[in-house]
Amino acid sequence: MGFDHRELFRNSIRKFINKEVIPNINGWKKEGKIPKEIYKKFGQMGYFGLAFEQKYGGSNSEIWYTVIILEEISRVNPTGFAAALASHFYLSLMHINNIANENQKQKYLVPGIKGDLIGCIAFEEPFMSFDSGNIKTTAVKNGENYVINGSKNFIANSINSDYILVPVKMDPNSKSQENKIILVERDRTGLKFIKSNKLGSHTSDMTEISFENVKVPIENLLGDQDKEFDLVGHSVYESLSMATISVGTSQFALETTLKYLKEREVFGDPLAKFQVLRHRIAKMASEIELNRQFLINLYTRFEKGDYLFKEALMAKLIATQLCDRVTLHCFQMFGGNGPIEEYPITRIWRDSKSKQIGGGTSEILCEIISKAIIDRKGFNSVKTEKKKQTSKI
């Protein structure tokens, strides 16, 4: 990624964040959400449209610019800011771009790229996680509407959103694992949001959403009748984004700690002179760079269209564990100042734990990866399955 134009872009987004985000982040933390105006500012700068076609208001840029955005928003402290923005431009807009029909793209993708409409995706349920075959939320056709019943939980960015992408089971009595996505505007009657009081990531709201006879028009079904919810494809996007944010947060924690070690003196010398701390810094820097190079390799393959489900989960697994470990070591090196709220490492460390939980816990990821390696179980995306079916015809 060492081309000058990419680094110029990195400098521009960092300058923008330092001007528009950093001075206001503490106030947003107290409010528990990010104002919609900041989404519009990101949209006006073109940051939400990097991956999308120009006819929708995007710039159709290579994937590395999106990676840079993810890395740079991960440096915002509290780190819940990154989760909130990524939920909109990296997950909800990606699904609309990949599945929606042309009318839906004009209605939701175009204003989403501008930051005028904010979206989120509500996948996880109280008794279902990472298993699309057990989705309980249903959408039953009734005349010109679908009637949705069920609940979703741990939904990031849901209070801020203008619409929610909801994976649903279309036939409650069917044993089929085929599911669809229905777009639900947040002002629909029967929607209820219950906000969660979290340990950290306070700038990213998280709620449980209940659907009680929520009526939406049939045209809110994303795409056509044959467009399924692609859990594998969703997991690749989500895992790569969370791995990138985790590596970025680890790097930011390391830089923050190194600055502190050079300023803080003990026995007349800066802490940065003590060998035990210097060696710890060296090991952490090595692991961060190793993870970053692994991600660069995956994004290179991802851009070529390679199938990366297992590898994306591996990246998320090791990067989030790294982030947890690095932030804890950095927290320790702040000594008595570590638990003091005024020091940035406190929030970085506190927010890091959620990365090992959201988007699939480390334990769930290990189970799925072990099935792929040991049991040779295939996890094909909807696109992969359709290619196979086409080749048989």
Protein backbone atom coordinates (compact mmCIF):
# COMPACT_ATOMS: atom_id res chain seq x y z
CA MET A 1 0.00 0.00 0.00
CA GLY A 2 2.97 2.30 -0.29
CA PHE A 3 1.84 4.47 -3.20
CA ASP A 4 1.94 8.24 -2.74
CA HIS A 5 -1.66 8.88 -3.82
CA ARG A 6 -2.90 6.48 -1.12
CA GLU A 7 -0.86 8.21 1.55
CA LEU A 8 -2.16 11.57 0.36
CA PHE A 9 -5.66 10.20 0.79
CA ARG A 10 -4.76 8.91 4.27
CA ASN A 11 -3.48 12.35 5.23
CA SER A 12 -6.67 13.99 3.97
CA ILE A 13 -9.02 11.70 5.91
CA ARG A 14 -6.88 12.01 9.05
CA LYS A 15 -6.95 15.82 8.73
CA PHE A 16 -10.72 15.72 8.25
CA ILE A 17 -11.21 13.50 11.32
CA ASN A 18 -8.94 15.70 13.44
CA LYS A 19 -11.03 18.72 12.48
CA GLU A 20 -14.59 17.36 12.47
CA VAL A 21 -14.54 14.40 14.86
CA ILE A 22 -11.82 14.54 17.53
CA PRO A 23 -12.86 17.90 19.07
CA ASN A 24 -16.45 16.66 19.48
CA ILE A 25 -16.04 12.98 20.36
CA ASN A 26 -16.28 13.41 24.15
CA GLY A 27 -19.61 15.20 23.82
CA TRP A 28 -20.94 12.47 21.55
CA LYS A 29 -19.78 9.87 24.08
CA LYS A 30 -21.89 11.51 26.78
CA GLU A 31 -24.90 11.64 24.48
CA GLY A 32 -24.38 8.00 23.50
CA LYS A 33 -24.67 8.60 19.76
CA ILE A 34 -23.10 10.36 16.81
CA PRO A 35 -25.03 13.30 15.31
CA LYS A 36 -26.39 12.73 11.82
CA GLU A 37 -24.59 15.84 10.61
CA ILE A 38 -21.24 14.05 10.78
CA TYR A 39 -22.54 11.35 8.42
CA LYS A 40 -23.48 14.08 5.96
CA LYS A 41 -20.01 15.60 6.23
CA PHE A 42 -18.40 12.23 5.51
CA GLY A 43 -20.78 11.85 2.58
CA GLN A 44 -19.99 15.30 1.21
CA MET A 45 -16.30 14.42 1.23
CA GLY A 46 -17.05 11.30 -0.81
CA TYR A 47 -15.82 8.91 1.88
CA PHE A 48 -18.97 6.73 1.84
CA GLY A 49 -18.92 6.23 -1.91
CA LEU A 50 -15.42 4.92 -2.48
CA ALA A 51 -16.49 1.37 -3.34
CA PHE A 52 -19.53 2.22 -5.44
CA GLU A 53 -20.20 3.11 -9.06
CA GLN A 54 -20.13 6.72 -10.19
CA LYS A 55 -23.73 6.57 -11.41
CA TYR A 56 -24.80 6.23 -7.76
CA GLY A 57 -22.56 9.05 -6.56
CA GLY A 58 -19.54 6.88 -5.77
CA SER A 59 -16.00 7.02 -7.11
CA ASN A 60 -15.50 3.31 -7.92
CA SER A 61 -12.07 3.42 -6.27
CA GLU A 62 -9.83 0.44 -5.61
CA ILE A 63 -10.44 -1.36 -2.35
CA TRP A 64 -7.40 0.13 -0.60
CA TYR A 65 -9.12 3.46 -0.12
CA THR A 66 -11.89 1.78 1.85
CA VAL A 67 -9.23 -0.04 3.89
CA ILE A 68 -7.60 3.31 4.68
CA ILE A 69 -10.95 4.71 5.82
CA LEU A 70 -11.40 1.74 8.17
CA GLU A 71 -7.87 2.16 9.53
CA GLU A 72 -8.29 5.87 10.13
CA ILE A 73 -11.69 5.77 11.84
CA SER A 74 -10.27 3.05 14.12
CA ARG A 75 -7.94 5.72 15.56
CA VAL A 76 -10.89 7.69 16.94
CA ASN A 77 -11.22 7.24 20.68
CA PRO A 78 -13.72 5.96 21.87
CA THR A 79 -13.50 3.31 19.18
CA GLY A 80 -17.29 2.84 18.98
CA PHE A 81 -17.19 5.58 16.36
CA ALA A 82 -15.65 3.15 13.88
CA ALA A 83 -18.33 0.52 14.52
CA ALA A 84 -21.11 3.04 13.93
CA LEU A 85 -19.75 4.34 10.62
CA ALA A 86 -18.75 0.90 9.32
CA SER A 87 -22.22 -0.43 10.08
CA HIS A 88 -23.57 2.13 7.62
CA PHE A 89 -21.12 2.46 4.74
CA TYR A 90 -19.35 -0.91 4.88
CA LEU A 91 -22.24 -3.24 5.74
CA SER A 92 -25.68 -1.81 4.97
CA LEU A 93 -24.64 0.03 1.79
CA MET A 94 -22.67 -3.01 0.60
CA HIS A 95 -25.76 -5.21 0.92
CA ILE A 96 -27.91 -2.70 -0.94
CA ASN A 97 -25.31 -2.43 -3.68
CA ASN A 98 -24.97 -6.22 -4.00
CA ILE A 99 -28.63 -7.26 -3.75
CA ALA A 100 -31.02 -4.35 -4.37
CA ASN A 101 -32.77 -3.64 -7.65
CA GLU A 102 -32.23 -0.39 -9.51
CA ASN A 103 -35.18 1.46 -7.94
CA GLN A 104 -34.01 0.51 -4.45
CA LYS A 105 -30.47 1.64 -5.21
CA GLN A 106 -31.74 5.02 -6.35
CA LYS A 107 -33.91 5.32 -3.25
CA TYR A 108 -31.41 4.14 -0.62
CA LEU A 109 -27.90 3.72 -2.01
CA VAL A 110 -27.66 7.19 -3.56
CA PRO A 111 -28.75 9.10 -0.41
CA GLY A 112 -26.75 6.64 1.72
CA ILE A 113 -23.56 7.56 -0.11
CA LYS A 114 -24.39 11.24 0.47
CA GLY A 115 -24.94 10.59 4.18
CA ASP A 116 -28.55 11.78 3.94
CA LEU A 117 -29.92 8.35 4.92
CA ILE A 118 -28.25 6.12 7.50
CA GLY A 119 -28.64 2.36 7.59
CA CYS A 120 -27.80 -0.64 9.74
CA ILE A 121 -28.23 -4.39 9.47
CA ALA A 122 -30.08 -6.44 12.10
CA PHE A 123 -28.94 -10.05 11.85
CA GLU A 124 -28.40 -11.48 15.32
CA GLU A 125 -31.35 -12.73 17.37
CA PRO A 126 -31.77 -13.64 21.07
CA PHE A 127 -31.50 -17.36 20.31
CA MET A 128 -29.53 -17.26 17.05
CA SER A 129 -26.04 -16.10 16.21
CA PHE A 130 -23.98 -16.84 13.10
CA ASP A 131 -26.54 -19.42 11.97
CA SER A 132 -28.87 -18.15 9.25
CA GLY A 133 -30.65 -21.50 9.20
CA ASN A 134 -32.19 -20.74 12.60
CA ILE A 135 -33.53 -17.25 11.94
CA LYS A 136 -36.85 -16.94 13.81
CA THR A 137 -37.93 -13.47 12.65
CA THR A 138 -40.58 -13.99 9.99
CA ALA A 139 -42.09 -11.98 7.15
CA VAL A 140 -45.45 -13.28 5.96
CA LYS A 141 -47.02 -11.90 2.81
CA ASN A 142 -50.43 -10.32 3.36
CA GLY A 143 -51.84 -8.68 0.25
CA GLU A 144 -49.50 -5.89 -0.82
CA ASN A 145 -47.47 -6.04 2.40
CA TYR A 146 -45.16 -8.24 4.39
CA VAL A 147 -45.97 -8.56 8.11
CA ILE A 148 -42.83 -8.95 10.21
CA ASN A 149 -42.69 -10.50 13.69
CA GLY A 150 -39.69 -11.35 15.83
CA SER A 151 -36.75 -9.68 17.50
CA LYS A 152 -33.11 -8.83 16.85
CA ASN A 153 -30.45 -7.90 19.37
CA PHE A 154 -26.97 -6.35 19.66
CA ILE A 155 -27.76 -4.10 16.69
CA ALA A 156 -25.18 -1.35 16.23
CA ASN A 157 -26.18 2.06 14.88
CA SER A 158 -29.89 1.22 15.11
CA ILE A 159 -31.01 4.35 16.97
CA ASN A 160 -29.24 6.60 14.47
CA SER A 161 -30.48 4.71 11.43
CA ASP A 162 -33.23 5.75 9.04
CA TYR A 163 -33.75 2.18 7.90
CA ILE A 164 -32.85 -1.34 9.00
CA LEU A 165 -31.90 -4.28 6.79
CA VAL A 166 -33.62 -7.28 8.36
CA PRO A 167 -32.80 -10.89 7.39
CA VAL A 168 -36.05 -12.83 7.74
CA LYS A 169 -37.54 -16.26 7.22
CA MET A 170 -40.25 -15.95 4.57
CA ASP A 171 -42.16 -19.16 5.41
CA PRO A 172 -42.47 -19.90 9.16
CA ASN A 173 -43.39 -23.54 8.46
CA SER A 174 -40.65 -24.25 5.96
CA LYS A 175 -37.49 -26.15 6.92
CA SER A 176 -35.61 -24.40 4.14
CA GLN A 177 -32.60 -22.31 5.18
CA GLU A 178 -33.23 -19.75 2.47
CA ASN A 179 -33.73 -16.28 3.93
CA LYS A 180 -34.34 -12.84 2.46
CA ILE A 181 -33.57 -9.27 3.48
CA ILE A 182 -36.38 -6.78 3.93
CA LEU A 183 -35.71 -3.08 4.34
CA VAL A 184 -37.70 -1.60 7.23
CA GLU A 185 -37.93 2.16 7.71
CA ARG A 186 -37.53 3.03 11.38
CA ASP A 187 -40.83 4.95 11.58
CA ARG A 188 -42.93 1.84 10.87
CA THR A 189 -45.66 1.07 13.41
CA GLY A 190 -44.81 -1.91 15.63
CA LEU A 191 -41.06 -1.28 15.87
CA LYS A 192 -39.62 -1.00 19.36
CA PHE A 193 -36.01 -0.16 20.27
CA ILE A 194 -34.54 -1.08 23.66
CA LYS A 195 -31.15 0.51 24.18
CA SER A 196 -28.39 -1.53 25.83
CA ASN A 197 -26.18 -0.01 28.54
CA LYS A 198 -22.72 -1.22 27.48
CA LEU A 199 -19.31 -1.44 29.15
CA GLY A 200 -17.65 0.62 26.40
CA SER A 201 -18.00 1.82 22.80
CA HIS A 202 -20.36 4.49 24.06
CA THR A 203 -20.45 6.45 20.81
CA SER A 204 -21.94 3.43 19.04
CA ASP A 205 -25.52 2.80 20.13
CA MET A 206 -26.66 -0.79 20.48
CA THR A 207 -30.22 -1.99 20.88
CA GLU A 208 -32.60 -4.88 20.87
CA ILE A 209 -35.28 -4.38 18.22
CA SER A 210 -38.69 -6.02 18.42
CA PHE A 211 -41.04 -6.36 15.45
CA GLU A 212 -44.71 -6.73 16.31
CA ASN A 213 -46.89 -7.02 13.21
CA VAL A 214 -44.72 -4.51 11.37
CA LYS A 215 -46.17 -3.91 7.92
CA VAL A 216 -43.90 -3.00 5.02
CA PRO A 217 -44.79 -2.90 1.32
CA ILE A 218 -43.71 -5.86 -0.81
CA GLU A 219 -41.35 -3.60 -2.76
CA ASN A 220 -39.21 -3.38 0.43
CA LEU A 221 -37.98 -6.92 -0.21
CA LEU A 222 -34.38 -6.28 -1.14
CA GLY A 223 -33.72 -7.31 -4.71
CA ASP A 224 -35.83 -9.96 -6.41
CA GLN A 225 -37.53 -13.07 -5.06
CA ASP A 226 -34.48 -15.18 -5.91
CA LYS A 227 -32.07 -12.96 -3.93
CA GLU A 228 -31.16 -14.74 -0.69
CA PHE A 229 -29.45 -13.38 2.39
CA ASP A 230 -25.81 -14.36 1.89
CA LEU A 231 -24.48 -15.06 5.40
CA VAL A 232 -21.09 -16.16 4.07
CA GLY A 233 -20.68 -13.00 2.00
CA HIS A 234 -21.89 -10.88 4.93
CA SER A 235 -19.42 -12.60 7.26
CA VAL A 236 -16.49 -11.93 4.93
CA TYR A 237 -17.29 -8.21 4.78
CA GLU A 238 -17.89 -7.98 8.53
CA SER A 239 -14.85 -10.05 9.53
CA LEU A 240 -12.45 -8.16 7.28
CA SER A 241 -13.74 -4.80 8.50
CA MET A 242 -13.49 -5.80 12.16
CA ALA A 243 -10.00 -7.23 11.65
CA THR A 244 -8.90 -4.00 9.95
CA ILE A 245 -10.39 -1.84 12.70
CA SER A 246 -8.75 -4.05 15.36
CA VAL A 247 -5.30 -3.75 13.78
CA GLY A 248 -5.80 -0.01 13.44
CA THR A 249 -6.84 0.29 17.09
CA SER A 250 -3.81 -1.78 18.15
CA GLN A 251 -1.51 0.54 16.20
CA PHE A 252 -3.16 3.61 17.71
CA ALA A 253 -2.83 2.16 21.24
CA LEU A 254 0.86 1.43 20.61
CA GLU A 255 1.53 4.96 19.34
CA THR A 256 -0.38 6.50 22.27
CA THR A 257 1.60 4.41 24.75
CA LEU A 258 4.96 5.09 23.13
CA LYS A 259 4.30 8.84 23.38
CA TYR A 260 3.50 8.42 27.07
CA LEU A 261 6.61 6.28 27.72
CA LYS A 262 8.83 8.99 26.24
CA GLU A 263 7.28 11.68 28.44
CA ARG A 264 6.84 9.85 31.76
CA GLU A 265 9.99 9.62 33.90
CA VAL A 266 10.87 7.16 36.66
CA PHE A 267 14.18 7.25 38.58
CA GLY A 268 15.23 10.17 36.41
CA ASP A 269 14.80 8.38 33.07
CA PRO A 270 11.90 8.17 30.62
CA LEU A 271 10.01 4.88 30.79
CA ALA A 272 10.99 4.33 27.17
CA LYS A 273 14.56 3.66 28.37
CA PHE A 274 13.58 0.59 30.42
CA GLN A 275 14.43 -2.63 28.60
CA VAL A 276 11.41 -4.63 29.77
CA LEU A 277 9.07 -2.04 28.26
CA ARG A 278 11.16 -1.58 25.12
CA HIS A 279 11.05 -5.32 24.42
CA ARG A 280 7.31 -5.41 25.01
CA ILE A 281 6.87 -2.59 22.50
CA ALA A 282 9.06 -4.45 19.98
CA LYS A 283 6.99 -7.63 20.27
CA MET A 284 3.68 -5.81 19.96
CA ALA A 285 4.86 -3.81 16.95
CA SER A 286 5.98 -7.05 15.28
CA GLU A 287 2.61 -8.73 15.84
CA ILE A 288 0.69 -5.70 14.58
CA GLU A 289 2.76 -5.58 11.39
CA LEU A 290 2.34 -9.34 10.89
CA ASN A 291 -1.45 -9.00 11.15
CA ARG A 292 -1.46 -6.00 8.84
CA GLN A 293 0.51 -7.88 6.17
CA PHE A 294 -1.92 -10.80 6.44
CA LEU A 295 -4.82 -8.39 5.87
CA ILE A 296 -3.08 -6.80 2.88
CA ASN A 297 -2.74 -10.28 1.39
CA LEU A 298 -6.43 -11.02 2.01
CA TYR A 299 -7.63 -7.72 0.56
CA THR A 300 -5.47 -8.30 -2.52
CA ARG A 301 -7.15 -11.67 -3.03
CA PHE A 302 -10.58 -10.25 -2.11
CA GLU A 303 -10.27 -7.61 -4.82
CA LYS A 304 -9.59 -10.40 -7.33
CA GLY A 305 -12.79 -12.18 -6.27
CA ASP A 306 -11.19 -15.04 -4.33
CA TYR A 307 -13.30 -17.05 -1.88
CA LEU A 308 -12.08 -16.04 1.60
CA PHE A 309 -14.64 -17.13 4.19
CA LYS A 310 -12.27 -19.20 6.33
CA GLU A 311 -9.38 -16.74 5.98
CA ALA A 312 -11.56 -13.73 6.80
CA LEU A 313 -12.71 -15.41 10.00
CA MET A 314 -9.08 -16.24 10.83
CA ALA A 315 -8.16 -12.59 10.34
CA LYS A 316 -10.96 -11.44 12.62
CA LEU A 317 -10.03 -14.05 15.24
CA ILE A 318 -6.34 -13.20 15.52
CA ALA A 319 -6.69 -9.43 15.00
CA THR A 320 -9.32 -8.98 17.71
CA GLN A 321 -7.33 -11.15 20.14
CA LEU A 322 -4.24 -9.10 19.29
CA CYS A 323 -6.15 -5.88 19.96
CA ASP A 324 -7.31 -7.18 23.34
CA ARG A 325 -3.76 -8.21 24.25
CA VAL A 326 -2.04 -5.04 22.99
CA THR A 327 -4.48 -2.67 24.67
CA LEU A 328 -4.13 -4.57 27.96
CA HIS A 329 -0.31 -4.37 27.81
CA CYS A 330 -0.52 -0.67 26.94
CA PHE A 331 -2.97 -0.10 29.79
CA GLN A 332 -0.49 -1.75 32.16
CA MET A 333 2.38 0.44 30.94
CA PHE A 334 0.43 3.55 31.91
CA GLY A 335 0.72 2.35 35.52
CA GLY A 336 -1.44 4.28 37.97
CA ASN A 337 -2.65 6.56 35.18
CA GLY A 338 -4.10 3.65 33.22
CA PRO A 339 -7.48 3.60 35.03
CA ILE A 340 -7.81 7.40 34.98
CA GLU A 341 -10.56 8.39 32.54
CA GLU A 342 -8.66 11.45 31.31
CA TYR A 343 -6.00 9.22 29.75
CA PRO A 344 -6.95 7.83 26.32
CA ILE A 345 -5.68 4.31 26.99
CA THR A 346 -8.53 3.76 29.47
CA ARG A 347 -11.19 3.96 26.80
CA ILE A 348 -9.12 2.17 24.17
CA TRP A 349 -8.65 -0.81 26.49
CA ARG A 350 -12.27 -0.81 27.67
CA ASP A 351 -13.65 -0.70 24.12
CA SER A 352 -11.36 -3.43 22.79
CA LYS A 353 -13.15 -6.36 24.44
CA SER A 354 -16.28 -5.91 22.34
CA LYS A 355 -14.28 -6.64 19.18
CA GLN A 356 -13.86 -10.27 20.30
CA ILE A 357 -17.61 -10.58 20.74
CA GLY A 358 -19.37 -8.67 17.97
CA GLY A 359 -19.59 -10.34 14.56
CA GLY A 360 -19.00 -13.77 16.10
CA THR A 361 -17.20 -14.49 19.36
CA SER A 362 -13.69 -15.92 19.28
CA GLU A 363 -15.12 -19.25 20.43
CA ILE A 364 -17.70 -19.36 17.62
CA LEU A 365 -15.05 -18.41 15.07
CA CYS A 366 -12.76 -21.19 16.30
CA GLU A 367 -15.61 -23.70 15.97
CA ILE A 368 -16.39 -22.66 12.39
CA ILE A 369 -12.72 -22.56 11.38
CA SER A 370 -12.15 -26.00 12.91
CA LYS A 371 -15.09 -27.38 10.91
CA ALA A 372 -13.52 -26.01 7.74
CA ILE A 373 -10.08 -27.43 8.54
CA ILE A 374 -10.77 -30.68 10.39
CA ASP A 375 -14.18 -31.73 9.07
CA ARG A 376 -13.51 -30.29 5.59
CA LYS A 377 -16.92 -28.63 5.75
CA GLY A 378 -17.57 -26.17 2.94
CA PHE A 379 -19.19 -22.80 3.62
CA ASN A 380 -20.22 -21.53 0.22
CA SER A 381 -21.63 -18.11 -0.45
CA VAL A 382 -24.85 -17.72 -2.39
CA LYS A 383 -22.81 -16.54 -5.40
CA THR A 384 -20.59 -19.62 -5.21
CA GLU A 385 -23.58 -21.97 -5.02
CA LYS A 386 -25.25 -20.33 -8.01
CA LYS A 387 -22.03 -20.67 -10.03
CA LYS A 388 -21.96 -24.38 -9.19
CA GLN A 389 -25.60 -24.81 -10.22
CA THR A 390 -25.00 -22.96 -13.47
CA SER A 391 -21.99 -25.12 -14.30
CA LYS A 392 -24.10 -28.28 -13.88
CA ILE A 393 -26.75 -27.14 -16.33
